[in-house]
C-alpha atoms as a PDB file:
ATOM      1  CA  MET A   1     221.580 -60.293 -51.747  1.00  0.00           C
ATOM      2  CA  GLU A   2     221.925 -62.865 -48.976  1.00  0.00           C
ATOM      3  CA  PHE A   3     218.208 -63.679 -49.350  1.00  0.00           C
ATOM      4  CA  CYS A   4     218.133 -63.576 -53.155  1.00  0.00           C
ATOM      5  CA  THR A   5     219.859 -66.709 -54.462  1.00  0.00           C
ATOM      6  CA  ARG A   6     219.050 -70.361 -54.047  1.00  0.00           C
ATOM      7  CA  ARG A   7     222.288 -71.091 -52.176  1.00  0.00           C
ATOM      8  CA  GLU A   8     221.872 -68.173 -49.777  1.00  0.00           C
ATOM      9  CA  LEU A   9     218.204 -68.879 -49.115  1.00  0.00           C
ATOM     10  CA  VAL A  10     219.005 -72.529 -48.393  1.00  0.00           C
ATOM     11  CA  ASN A  11     221.545 -71.269 -45.846  1.00  0.00           C
ATOM     12  CA  GLN A  12     219.024 -68.848 -44.329  1.00  0.00           C
ATOM     13  CA  THR A  13     216.239 -71.435 -43.978  1.00  0.00           C
ATOM     14  CA  GLY A  14     218.474 -74.402 -43.190  1.00  0.00           C
ATOM     15  CA  HIS A  15     216.549 -76.508 -45.722  1.00  0.00           C
ATOM     16  CA  ASP A  16     217.037 -77.526 -49.331  1.00  0.00           C
ATOM     17  CA  VAL A  17     214.785 -76.000 -51.964  1.00  0.00           C
ATOM     18  CA  TYR A  18     212.783 -79.250 -52.235  1.00  0.00           C
ATOM     19  CA  GLU A  19     211.521 -78.648 -48.663  1.00  0.00           C
ATOM     20  CA  TRP A  20     210.530 -75.018 -49.058  1.00  0.00           C
ATOM     21  CA  ALA A  21     206.807 -75.811 -49.029  1.00  0.00           C
ATOM     22  CA  LEU A  22     207.312 -77.304 -45.556  1.00  0.00           C
ATOM     23  CA  VAL A  23     209.384 -74.289 -44.480  1.00  0.00           C
ATOM     24  CA  VAL A  24     206.599 -71.905 -45.535  1.00  0.00           C
ATOM     25  CA  GLN A  25     203.979 -73.947 -43.714  1.00  0.00           C
ATOM     26  CA  LYS A  26     206.035 -74.289 -40.535  1.00  0.00           C
ATOM     27  CA  GLU A  27     207.041 -70.620 -40.307  1.00  0.00           C
ATOM     28  CA  LEU A  28     203.542 -69.267 -41.013  1.00  0.00           C
ATOM     29  CA  LEU A  29     201.943 -71.741 -38.598  1.00  0.00           C
ATOM     30  CA  ASP A  30     204.419 -70.724 -35.898  1.00  0.00           C
ATOM     31  CA  ASN A  31     203.622 -67.053 -36.505  1.00  0.00           C
ATOM     32  CA  ALA A  32     199.878 -67.736 -36.396  1.00  0.00           C
ATOM     33  CA  LEU A  33     200.159 -69.595 -33.096  1.00  0.00           C
ATOM     34  CA  ASP A  34     202.393 -66.920 -31.582  1.00  0.00           C
ATOM     35  CA  ALA A  35     200.001 -64.129 -32.564  1.00  0.00           C
ATOM     36  CA  ALA A  36     196.960 -65.829 -31.029  1.00  0.00           C
ATOM     37  CA  GLU A  37     198.769 -66.993 -27.900  1.00  0.00           C
ATOM     38  CA  GLU A  38     200.271 -63.588 -27.151  1.00  0.00           C
ATOM     39  CA  ALA A  39     196.758 -62.126 -27.427  1.00  0.00           C
ATOM     40  CA  GLU A  40     195.565 -64.911 -25.064  1.00  0.00           C
ATOM     41  CA  ILE A  41     193.243 -66.329 -27.725  1.00  0.00           C
ATOM     42  CA  ALA A  42     192.835 -70.056 -28.403  1.00  0.00           C
ATOM     43  CA  PRO A  43     194.326 -70.280 -31.933  1.00  0.00           C
ATOM     44  CA  ARG A  44     192.165 -71.143 -34.935  1.00  0.00           C
ATOM     45  CA  VAL A  45     194.160 -71.658 -38.122  1.00  0.00           C
ATOM     46  CA  SER A  46     193.082 -72.615 -41.620  1.00  0.00           C
ATOM     47  CA  ILE A  47     195.471 -73.766 -44.334  1.00  0.00           C
ATOM     48  CA  ALA A  48     194.421 -73.969 -47.968  1.00  0.00           C
ATOM     49  CA  VAL A  49     196.603 -75.334 -50.755  1.00  0.00           C
ATOM     50  CA  ASN A  50     195.288 -74.145 -54.104  1.00  0.00           C
ATOM     51  CA  GLY A  51     197.367 -75.217 -57.063  1.00  0.00           C
ATOM     52  CA  ARG A  52     200.817 -73.884 -56.253  1.00  0.00           C
ATOM     53  CA  SER A  53     199.789 -71.435 -53.535  1.00  0.00           C
ATOM     54  CA  ILE A  54     199.599 -71.789 -49.762  1.00  0.00           C
ATOM     55  CA  VAL A  55     197.053 -69.664 -47.882  1.00  0.00           C
ATOM     56  CA  ILE A  56     197.263 -69.561 -44.077  1.00  0.00           C
ATOM     57  CA  GLN A  57     194.774 -67.574 -42.007  1.00  0.00           C
ATOM     58  CA  ASP A  58     194.647 -67.117 -38.224  1.00  0.00           C
ATOM     59  CA  ASN A  59     192.377 -65.477 -35.639  1.00  0.00           C
ATOM     60  CA  GLY A  60     195.080 -63.378 -33.958  1.00  0.00           C
ATOM     61  CA  PRO A  61     195.048 -59.590 -33.592  1.00  0.00           C
ATOM     62  CA  GLY A  62     196.365 -59.082 -37.139  1.00  0.00           C
ATOM     63  CA  ILE A  63     199.874 -58.199 -38.222  1.00  0.00           C
ATOM     64  CA  PRO A  64     200.389 -54.401 -37.926  1.00  0.00           C
ATOM     65  CA  ALA A  65     201.217 -52.402 -41.055  1.00  0.00           C
ATOM     66  CA  LYS A  66     204.336 -51.099 -39.286  1.00  0.00           C
ATOM     67  CA  THR A  67     205.587 -54.658 -38.841  1.00  0.00           C
ATOM     68  CA  ILE A  68     205.103 -55.328 -42.547  1.00  0.00           C
ATOM     69  CA  GLU A  69     207.165 -52.229 -43.363  1.00  0.00           C
ATOM     70  CA  GLY A  70     209.937 -53.598 -41.158  1.00  0.00           C
ATOM     71  CA  ILE A  71     209.826 -56.977 -42.868  1.00  0.00           C
ATOM     72  CA  LEU A  72     210.338 -55.288 -46.233  1.00  0.00           C
ATOM     73  CA  ASP A  73     213.505 -53.538 -45.027  1.00  0.00           C
ATOM     74  CA  TYR A  74     216.256 -55.949 -46.045  1.00  0.00           C
ATOM     75  CA  SER A  75     218.954 -53.725 -44.572  1.00  0.00           C
ATOM     76  CA  ILE A  76     217.860 -55.057 -41.155  1.00  0.00           C
ATOM     77  CA  ARG A  77     218.449 -58.747 -40.504  1.00  0.00           C
ATOM     78  CA  VAL A  78     217.250 -59.386 -36.972  1.00  0.00           C
ATOM     79  CA  SER A  79     215.563 -57.854 -33.957  1.00  0.00           C
ATOM     80  CA  SER A  80     216.783 -57.970 -30.336  1.00  0.00           C
ATOM     81  CA  ARG A  81     214.765 -61.185 -29.947  1.00  0.00           C
ATOM     82  CA  GLU A  82     217.388 -62.978 -32.037  1.00  0.00           C
ATOM     83  CA  ALA A  83     219.594 -63.095 -28.923  1.00  0.00           C
ATOM     84  CA  TYR A  84     216.749 -63.751 -26.437  1.00  0.00           C
ATOM     85  CA  VAL A  85     217.136 -67.050 -24.561  1.00  0.00           C
ATOM     86  CA  SER A  86     213.969 -68.937 -23.633  1.00  0.00           C
ATOM     87  CA  PRO A  87     212.633 -72.515 -23.518  1.00  0.00           C
ATOM     88  CA  THR A  88     211.009 -72.007 -26.932  1.00  0.00           C
ATOM     89  CA  ARG A  89     212.619 -72.189 -30.364  1.00  0.00           C
ATOM     90  CA  GLY A  90     214.982 -69.366 -31.315  1.00  0.00           C
ATOM     91  CA  ALA A  91     213.443 -66.320 -32.946  1.00  0.00           C
ATOM     92  CA  GLN A  92     215.505 -64.373 -35.451  1.00  0.00           C
ATOM     93  CA  GLY A  93     212.555 -62.443 -36.803  1.00  0.00           C
ATOM     94  CA  ASN A  94     213.509 -63.523 -40.334  1.00  0.00           C
ATOM     95  CA  ALA A  95     210.687 -65.943 -41.186  1.00  0.00           C
ATOM     96  CA  LEU A  96     208.786 -63.689 -43.599  1.00  0.00           C
ATOM     97  CA  LYS A  97     212.030 -62.183 -44.860  1.00  0.00           C
ATOM     98  CA  THR A  98     213.032 -65.652 -46.116  1.00  0.00           C
ATOM     99  CA  ILE A  99     209.578 -66.500 -47.484  1.00  0.00           C
ATOM    100  CA  LEU A 100     209.112 -63.366 -49.626  1.00  0.00           C
ATOM    101  CA  PRO A 101     212.067 -64.127 -51.988  1.00  0.00           C
ATOM    102  CA  MET A 102     211.226 -67.827 -52.511  1.00  0.00           C
ATOM    103  CA  ALA A 103     209.051 -67.380 -55.594  1.00  0.00           C
ATOM    104  CA  TYR A 104     211.637 -65.050 -57.136  1.00  0.00           C
ATOM    105  CA  VAL A 105     214.429 -67.577 -56.545  1.00  0.00           C
ATOM    106  CA  LEU A 106     212.336 -70.373 -58.069  1.00  0.00           C
ATOM    107  CA  GLU A 107     211.765 -68.127 -61.118  1.00  0.00           C
ATOM    108  CA  GLU A 108     215.392 -66.962 -61.244  1.00  0.00           C
ATOM    109  CA  ARG A 109     216.005 -68.670 -64.587  1.00  0.00           C
ATOM    110  CA  HIS A 110     213.803 -66.022 -66.232  1.00  0.00           C
ATOM    111  CA  GLY A 111     216.475 -63.407 -65.556  1.00  0.00           C
ATOM    112  CA  ASP A 112     215.291 -59.804 -65.279  1.00  0.00           C
ATOM    113  CA  ASN A 113     211.658 -60.939 -65.518  1.00  0.00           C
ATOM    114  CA  ALA A 114     211.905 -63.148 -62.425  1.00  0.00           C
ATOM    115  CA  ALA A 115     209.602 -62.022 -59.617  1.00  0.00           C
ATOM    116  CA  GLY A 116     207.363 -63.411 -56.924  1.00  0.00           C
ATOM    117  CA  GLU A 117     204.293 -62.027 -55.182  1.00  0.00           C
ATOM    118  CA  THR A 118     203.134 -62.567 -51.613  1.00  0.00           C
ATOM    119  CA  ILE A 119     199.885 -61.175 -50.213  1.00  0.00           C
ATOM    120  CA  ILE A 120     199.535 -60.266 -46.531  1.00  0.00           C
ATOM    121  CA  GLU A 121     196.019 -59.301 -45.430  1.00  0.00           C
ATOM    122  CA  ALA A 122     195.099 -57.773 -42.072  1.00  0.00           C
ATOM    123  CA  ALA A 123     192.969 -54.945 -40.648  1.00  0.00           C
ATOM    124  CA  GLY A 124     191.007 -54.612 -43.900  1.00  0.00           C
ATOM    125  CA  VAL A 125     194.108 -54.060 -46.056  1.00  0.00           C
ATOM    126  CA  ALA A 126     195.730 -56.416 -48.579  1.00  0.00           C
ATOM    127  CA  HIS A 127     199.456 -55.790 -48.927  1.00  0.00           C
ATOM    128  CA  HIS A 128     200.589 -57.038 -52.347  1.00  0.00           C
ATOM    129  CA  ILE A 129     204.349 -57.489 -52.151  1.00  0.00           C
ATOM    130  CA  ARG A 130     206.256 -58.107 -55.385  1.00  0.00           C
ATOM    131  CA  PHE A 131     209.831 -59.269 -54.844  1.00  0.00           C
ATOM    132  CA  SER A 132     212.496 -59.038 -57.546  1.00  0.00           C
ATOM    133  CA  VAL A 133     216.148 -57.988 -57.764  1.00  0.00           C
ATOM    134  CA  ASP A 134     217.984 -54.956 -59.085  1.00  0.00           C
ATOM    135  CA  HIS A 135     220.934 -56.748 -60.677  1.00  0.00           C
ATOM    136  CA  ILE A 136     222.908 -53.554 -61.226  1.00  0.00           C
ATOM    137  CA  ARG A 137     222.731 -52.441 -57.598  1.00  0.00           C
ATOM    138  CA  GLN A 138     222.755 -56.050 -56.387  1.00  0.00           C
ATOM    139  CA  GLU A 139     219.903 -55.533 -53.948  1.00  0.00           C
ATOM    140  CA  PRO A 140     216.263 -56.587 -53.552  1.00  0.00           C
ATOM    141  CA  ARG A 141     213.617 -54.586 -55.398  1.00  0.00           C
ATOM    142  CA  ILE A 142     210.398 -54.466 -53.359  1.00  0.00           C
ATOM    143  CA  GLU A 143     207.113 -53.207 -54.808  1.00  0.00           C
ATOM    144  CA  HIS A 144     204.424 -52.731 -52.172  1.00  0.00           C
ATOM    145  CA  ALA A 145     200.833 -52.039 -53.244  1.00  0.00           C
ATOM    146  CA  ARG A 146     197.796 -51.805 -50.982  1.00  0.00           C
ATOM    147  CA  ALA A 147     194.177 -52.709 -51.702  1.00  0.00           C
ATOM    148  CA  PRO A 148     191.016 -53.304 -49.652  1.00  0.00           C
ATOM    149  CA  SER A 149     190.661 -56.738 -48.040  1.00  0.00           C
ATOM    150  CA  THR A 150     187.823 -58.668 -46.442  1.00  0.00           C
ATOM    151  CA  VAL A 151     190.196 -59.779 -43.668  1.00  0.00           C
ATOM    152  CA  VAL A 152     189.338 -57.499 -40.745  1.00  0.00           C
ATOM    153  CA  TYR A 153     190.351 -59.804 -37.889  1.00  0.00           C
ATOM    154  CA  GLY A 154     193.465 -61.948 -37.864  1.00  0.00           C
ATOM    155  CA  THR A 155     195.972 -62.313 -40.686  1.00  0.00           C
ATOM    156  CA  ARG A 156     195.827 -64.143 -44.014  1.00  0.00           C
ATOM    157  CA  ILE A 157     199.032 -64.773 -45.961  1.00  0.00           C
ATOM    158  CA  THR A 158     199.159 -66.152 -49.497  1.00  0.00           C
ATOM    159  CA  VAL A 159     202.462 -67.510 -50.777  1.00  0.00           C
ATOM    160  CA  GLU A 160     202.994 -68.681 -54.360  1.00  0.00           C
ATOM    161  CA  LEU A 161     205.566 -71.424 -55.004  1.00  0.00           C
ATOM    162  CA  PRO A 162     206.321 -71.761 -58.754  1.00  0.00           C
ATOM    163  CA  LEU A 163     207.524 -75.027 -60.234  1.00  0.00           C
ATOM    164  CA  LEU A 164     211.139 -75.891 -59.488  1.00  0.00           C
ATOM    165  CA  TRP A 165     213.466 -76.466 -62.448  1.00  0.00           C
ATOM    166  CA  ASP A 166     217.183 -77.170 -62.027  1.00  0.00           C
ATOM    167  CA  GLY A 167     218.132 -77.538 -65.701  1.00  0.00           C
ATOM    168  CA  ARG A 168     218.468 -81.322 -65.649  1.00  0.00           C
ATOM    169  CA  TYR A 169     215.076 -82.818 -64.883  1.00  0.00           C
ATOM    170  CA  ASP A 170     211.421 -82.065 -65.456  1.00  0.00           C
ATOM    171  CA  GLU A 171     209.780 -79.298 -63.454  1.00  0.00           C
ATOM    172  CA  TYR A 172     208.934 -80.290 -59.899  1.00  0.00           C
ATOM    173  CA  ASP A 173     205.841 -79.216 -57.954  1.00  0.00           C
ATOM    174  CA  LEU A 174     207.004 -78.435 -54.408  1.00  0.00           C
ATOM    175  CA  LEU A 175     203.499 -78.812 -52.977  1.00  0.00           C
ATOM    176  CA  ASP A 176     202.301 -81.986 -54.694  1.00  0.00           C
ATOM    177  CA  GLY A 177     205.736 -83.518 -54.197  1.00  0.00           C
ATOM    178  CA  ASN A 178     205.500 -82.939 -50.441  1.00  0.00           C
ATOM    179  CA  ARG A 179     201.773 -83.544 -49.951  1.00  0.00           C
ATOM    180  CA  ASP A 180     202.093 -86.405 -47.438  1.00  0.00           C
ATOM    181  CA  ARG A 181     204.798 -84.648 -45.391  1.00  0.00           C
ATOM    182  CA  PHE A 182     202.865 -81.373 -45.531  1.00  0.00           C
ATOM    183  CA  LEU A 183     199.728 -82.970 -44.070  1.00  0.00           C
ATOM    184  CA  GLU A 184     201.726 -84.944 -41.505  1.00  0.00           C
ATOM    185  CA  LEU A 185     203.407 -81.748 -40.323  1.00  0.00           C
ATOM    186  CA  ALA A 186     200.074 -79.934 -40.051  1.00  0.00           C
ATOM    187  CA  GLU A 187     198.548 -82.765 -38.038  1.00  0.00           C
ATOM    188  CA  SER A 188     201.551 -82.851 -35.686  1.00  0.00           C
ATOM    189  CA  TYR A 189     200.806 -79.238 -34.701  1.00  0.00           C
ATOM    190  CA  ALA A 190     197.408 -80.330 -33.415  1.00  0.00           C
ATOM    191  CA  TRP A 191     198.959 -83.156 -31.400  1.00  0.00           C
ATOM    192  CA  LEU A 192     201.458 -80.754 -29.791  1.00  0.00           C
ATOM    193  CA  ASN A 193     199.028 -77.858 -29.320  1.00  0.00           C
ATOM    194  CA  PRO A 194     195.777 -79.087 -27.734  1.00  0.00           C
ATOM    195  CA  HIS A 195     194.396 -75.522 -27.762  1.00  0.00           C
ATOM    196  CA  LEU A 196     194.606 -75.377 -31.578  1.00  0.00           C
ATOM    197  CA  THR A 197     191.658 -75.698 -33.956  1.00  0.00           C
ATOM    198  CA  LEU A 198     193.055 -76.567 -37.388  1.00  0.00           C
ATOM    199  CA  ASN A 199     191.478 -76.916 -40.808  1.00  0.00           C
ATOM    200  CA  VAL A 200     193.413 -77.930 -43.926  1.00  0.00           C
ATOM    201  CA  SER A 201     192.038 -78.127 -47.464  1.00  0.00           C
ATOM    202  CA  TRP A 202     193.850 -79.312 -50.576  1.00  0.00           C
ATOM    203  CA  ASN A 203     192.570 -78.011 -53.903  1.00  0.00           C
ATOM    204  CA  GLY A 204     189.085 -77.531 -52.457  1.00  0.00           C
ATOM    205  CA  GLU A 205     188.914 -80.843 -50.559  1.00  0.00           C
ATOM    206  CA  GLN A 206     188.941 -80.715 -46.760  1.00  0.00           C
ATOM    207  CA  VAL A 207     191.603 -83.164 -45.593  1.00  0.00           C
ATOM    208  CA  ILE A 208     192.111 -82.162 -41.929  1.00  0.00           C
ATOM    209  CA  ASP A 209     189.492 -80.815 -39.532  1.00  0.00           C
ATOM    210  CA  ILE A 210     190.656 -80.918 -35.905  1.00  0.00           C
ATOM    211  CA  LYS A 211     188.883 -79.194 -33.026  1.00  0.00           C
ATOM    212  CA  ALA A 212     190.793 -77.963 -29.985  1.00  0.00           C
ATOM    213  CA  SER A 213     190.771 -80.623 -27.267  1.00  0.00           C
ATOM    214  CA  ASN A 214     191.733 -78.090 -24.573  1.00  0.00           C
ATOM    215  CA  PRO A 215     191.196 -74.440 -25.621  1.00  0.00           C
ATOM    216  CA  ALA A 216     192.478 -73.198 -22.238  1.00  0.00           C
ATOM    217  CA  TRP A 217     195.872 -74.948 -22.568  1.00  0.00           C
ATOM    218  CA  ARG A 218     198.867 -72.612 -22.205  1.00  0.00           C
ATOM    219  CA  LYS A 219     202.614 -72.786 -22.697  1.00  0.00           C
ATOM    220  CA  TRP A 220     205.612 -70.472 -22.453  1.00  0.00           C
ATOM    221  CA  LEU A 221     205.121 -67.248 -24.390  1.00  0.00           C
ATOM    222  CA  PRO A 222     207.922 -65.237 -26.010  1.00  0.00           C
ATOM    223  CA  THR A 223     206.519 -62.131 -24.289  1.00  0.00           C
ATOM    224  CA  TRP A 224     207.270 -63.574 -20.846  1.00  0.00           C
ATOM    225  CA  PRO A 225     210.492 -62.385 -19.148  1.00  0.00           C
ATOM    226  CA  THR A 226     213.678 -64.297 -19.820  1.00  0.00           C
ATOM    227  CA  SER A 227     215.705 -65.743 -16.929  1.00  0.00           C
ATOM    228  CA  ALA A 228     219.308 -64.794 -16.162  1.00  0.00           C
ATOM    229  CA  HIS A 229     219.942 -68.463 -15.372  1.00  0.00           C
ATOM    230  CA  TRP A 230     219.483 -69.380 -19.046  1.00  0.00           C
ATOM    231  CA  TYR A 231     222.484 -67.244 -20.086  1.00  0.00           C
ATOM    232  CA  ASP A 232     226.227 -67.637 -20.045  1.00  0.00           C
ATOM    233  CA  LYS A 233     228.793 -64.885 -20.657  1.00  0.00           C
ATOM    234  CA  SER A 234     228.644 -65.272 -24.440  1.00  0.00           C
ATOM    235  CA  SER A 235     224.859 -65.307 -24.807  1.00  0.00           C
ATOM    236  CA  LEU A 236     224.398 -62.359 -22.409  1.00  0.00           C
ATOM    237  CA  ARG A 237     226.946 -60.365 -24.426  1.00  0.00           C
ATOM    238  CA  ARG A 238     224.929 -61.008 -27.591  1.00  0.00           C
ATOM    239  CA  TYR A 239     221.679 -60.087 -25.836  1.00  0.00           C
ATOM    240  CA  MET A 240     223.124 -56.839 -24.523  1.00  0.00           C
ATOM    241  CA  ALA A 241     224.554 -55.958 -27.936  1.00  0.00           C
ATOM    242  CA  ALA A 242     221.181 -56.595 -29.598  1.00  0.00           C
ATOM    243  CA  HIS A 243     219.492 -54.225 -27.126  1.00  0.00           C
ATOM    244  CA  ILE A 244     222.078 -51.532 -27.773  1.00  0.00           C
ATOM    245  CA  ALA A 245     221.646 -51.888 -31.533  1.00  0.00           C
ATOM    246  CA  ASN A 246     217.868 -51.486 -31.265  1.00  0.00           C
ATOM    247  CA  ARG A 247     217.591 -49.161 -28.228  1.00  0.00           C
ATOM    248  CA  ASP A 248     220.850 -47.248 -27.938  1.00  0.00           C
ATOM    249  CA  SER A 249     219.659 -45.002 -25.083  1.00  0.00           C
ATOM    250  CA  ILE A 250     218.602 -47.863 -22.780  1.00  0.00           C
ATOM    251  CA  THR A 251     220.106 -47.873 -19.269  1.00  0.00           C
ATOM    252  CA  VAL A 252     221.461 -50.866 -17.379  1.00  0.00           C
ATOM    253  CA  ARG A 253     218.535 -50.540 -14.973  1.00  0.00           C
ATOM    254  CA  GLU A 254     215.996 -50.713 -17.828  1.00  0.00           C
ATOM    255  CA  PHE A 255     217.819 -53.708 -19.281  1.00  0.00           C
ATOM    256  CA  ILE A 256     217.886 -55.762 -16.067  1.00  0.00           C
ATOM    257  CA  SER A 257     214.238 -54.900 -15.268  1.00  0.00           C
ATOM    258  CA  GLU A 258     213.198 -57.090 -18.213  1.00  0.00           C
ATOM    259  CA  PHE A 259     214.582 -60.250 -16.593  1.00  0.00           C
ATOM    260  CA  ARG A 260     212.407 -62.576 -14.553  1.00  0.00           C
ATOM    261  CA  GLY A 261     212.513 -61.655 -10.878  1.00  0.00           C
ATOM    262  CA  MET A 262     213.948 -58.177 -11.499  1.00  0.00           C
ATOM    263  CA  THR A 263     210.821 -56.010 -11.556  1.00  0.00           C
ATOM    264  CA  ALA A 264     211.217 -55.000  -7.893  1.00  0.00           C
ATOM    265  CA  THR A 265     213.039 -51.677  -7.429  1.00  0.00           C
ATOM    266  CA  ALA A 266     214.880 -52.928  -4.333  1.00  0.00           C
ATOM    267  CA  ARG A 267     216.313 -55.893  -6.192  1.00  0.00           C
ATOM    268  CA  GLN A 268     217.356 -53.714  -9.120  1.00  0.00           C
ATOM    269  CA  LYS A 269     219.218 -51.403  -6.694  1.00  0.00           C
ATOM    270  CA  LEU A 270     221.107 -54.372  -5.233  1.00  0.00           C
ATOM    271  CA  VAL A 271     222.337 -55.472  -8.662  1.00  0.00           C
ATOM    272  CA  LEU A 272     223.216 -51.928  -9.724  1.00  0.00           C
ATOM    273  CA  ALA A 273     225.157 -51.321  -6.496  1.00  0.00           C
ATOM    274  CA  GLU A 274     227.082 -54.584  -6.809  1.00  0.00           C
ATOM    275  CA  THR A 275     228.019 -53.926 -10.437  1.00  0.00           C
ATOM    276  CA  GLY A 276     228.605 -50.189 -10.235  1.00  0.00           C
ATOM    277  CA  ALA A 277     225.978 -49.616 -12.911  1.00  0.00           C
ATOM    278  CA  SER A 278     223.679 -47.083 -11.262  1.00  0.00           C
ATOM    279  CA  HIS A 279     222.652 -44.310 -13.666  1.00  0.00           C
ATOM    280  CA  VAL A 280     224.840 -45.867 -16.405  1.00  0.00           C
ATOM    281  CA  SER A 281     223.758 -46.446 -19.999  1.00  0.00           C
ATOM    282  CA  LEU A 282     223.887 -50.036 -21.204  1.00  0.00           C
ATOM    283  CA  HIS A 283     226.174 -48.999 -24.070  1.00  0.00           C
ATOM    284  CA  SER A 284     228.719 -47.401 -21.711  1.00  0.00           C
ATOM    285  CA  TYR A 285     228.620 -50.392 -19.371  1.00  0.00           C
ATOM    286  CA  PHE A 286     228.992 -52.797 -22.303  1.00  0.00           C
ATOM    287  CA  GLY A 287     231.931 -50.827 -23.706  1.00  0.00           C
ATOM    288  CA  LEU A 288     231.936 -48.008 -26.231  1.00  0.00           C
ATOM    289  CA  ARG A 289     234.924 -49.183 -28.288  1.00  0.00           C
ATOM    290  CA  THR A 290     235.749 -52.656 -26.979  1.00  0.00           C
ATOM    291  CA  VAL A 291     233.609 -55.095 -25.045  1.00  0.00           C
ATOM    292  CA  ASN A 292     234.084 -54.859 -21.279  1.00  0.00           C
ATOM    293  CA  THR A 293     233.993 -58.578 -20.504  1.00  0.00           C
ATOM    294  CA  ALA A 294     234.527 -58.023 -16.768  1.00  0.00           C
ATOM    295  CA  ASN A 295     231.341 -55.932 -16.606  1.00  0.00           C
ATOM    296  CA  ILE A 296     229.326 -58.593 -18.435  1.00  0.00           C
ATOM    297  CA  VAL A 297     230.587 -61.334 -16.104  1.00  0.00           C
ATOM    298  CA  SER A 298     229.828 -59.184 -13.068  1.00  0.00           C
ATOM    299  CA  LEU A 299     226.310 -58.334 -14.249  1.00  0.00           C
ATOM    300  CA  LEU A 300     225.469 -61.952 -15.043  1.00  0.00           C
ATOM    301  CA  ALA A 301     226.719 -63.157 -11.648  1.00  0.00           C
ATOM    302  CA  SER A 302     224.708 -60.516  -9.803  1.00  0.00           C
ATOM    303  CA  LEU A 303     221.527 -61.194 -11.798  1.00  0.00           C
ATOM    304  CA  GLN A 304     221.798 -64.917 -11.125  1.00  0.00           C
ATOM    305  CA  LYS A 305     222.541 -64.293  -7.436  1.00  0.00           C
ATOM    306  CA  HIS A 306     219.402 -62.206  -6.917  1.00  0.00           C
ATOM    307  CA  THR A 307     216.935 -64.254  -8.965  1.00  0.00           C
ATOM    308  CA  SER A 308     215.579 -67.749  -8.548  1.00  0.00           C
ATOM    309  CA  THR A 309     216.597 -70.724 -10.669  1.00  0.00           C
ATOM    310  CA  HIS A 310     213.099 -72.197 -10.380  1.00  0.00           C
ATOM    311  CA  PHE A 311     210.553 -71.561 -13.083  1.00  0.00           C
ATOM    312  CA  SER A 312     207.496 -73.541 -14.086  1.00  0.00           C
ATOM    313  CA  TRP A 313     206.433 -73.612 -17.694  1.00  0.00           C
ATOM    314  CA  ILE A 314     204.538 -75.818 -20.073  1.00  0.00           C
ATOM    315  CA  VAL A 315     206.738 -77.570 -22.613  1.00  0.00           C
ATOM    316  CA  SER A 316     206.795 -75.707 -25.919  1.00  0.00           C
ATOM    317  CA  ARG A 317     205.936 -77.244 -29.244  1.00  0.00           C
ATOM    318  CA  ASP A 318     208.635 -79.130 -31.090  1.00  0.00           C
ATOM    319  CA  SER A 319     209.488 -77.033 -34.155  1.00  0.00           C
ATOM    320  CA  ARG A 320     211.419 -79.769 -35.942  1.00  0.00           C
ATOM    321  CA  TYR A 321     210.046 -81.339 -39.094  1.00  0.00           C
ATOM    322  CA  GLY A 322     211.150 -83.860 -41.657  1.00  0.00           C
END
């Protein structure tokens, strides 16, 4: 239920309910940019506000059906990327998990009838996701229906934001009430991402139409290898634990091979010899019952010793808003 009440969802998003329209826009725009960039495509994104709905469409490879199934599993909070350190914003993998319950929470005053629907379209399929709550079991109730869609390439997501009512004042339209900030935020993405082509319409009127000034521009991608020099003992412990939780059979050698500068077999052997981790599972090295802090410190020191501190990257977009 940590996603299913106003207080909990405010904690999850880090923003008050009055800013949820901006949260939806920011998270979906980030996802759209990530999808296109990881496919090495200059991103083209359209945003349409129609009444109380936000529709965001991108030209990426399209969100896989398997990923959507994972998003709908509220027994899983984060992926291993939650602990991944990089020069970009943090990535908990919870963006859509926080967006899906928003309409339900805004309709919560209707009791058992409260529900919200989000539509995710990709690969010719429209996933209609109805979010409500089983109040007896105290858990989300997810209804997932599929229908044909005209969206064959890229992803289109439609999010409905009902009127906000707190019992004291008139109902508040989260989109109209944030119109100026919404458009300012959208425009800032174009300033910070010169490879982005962005179109925004508001109730049928085109209000932003920006062409990419440099379609070939690139920045750090989350798929690039992380550097051991960005970790301390605490953050490496979290990263190792996240890998074990998601890939229990992974070895220490497989784990270190994912770090920048550690693809060479010879270098991997040096680290494994220094740490006594040859042919050892990551879980055993980490500690089966209690955390083996000495092993973590040793592994971090060896990784940093055998990799370079230098790395060139293009500054990532600033994800702050408001």
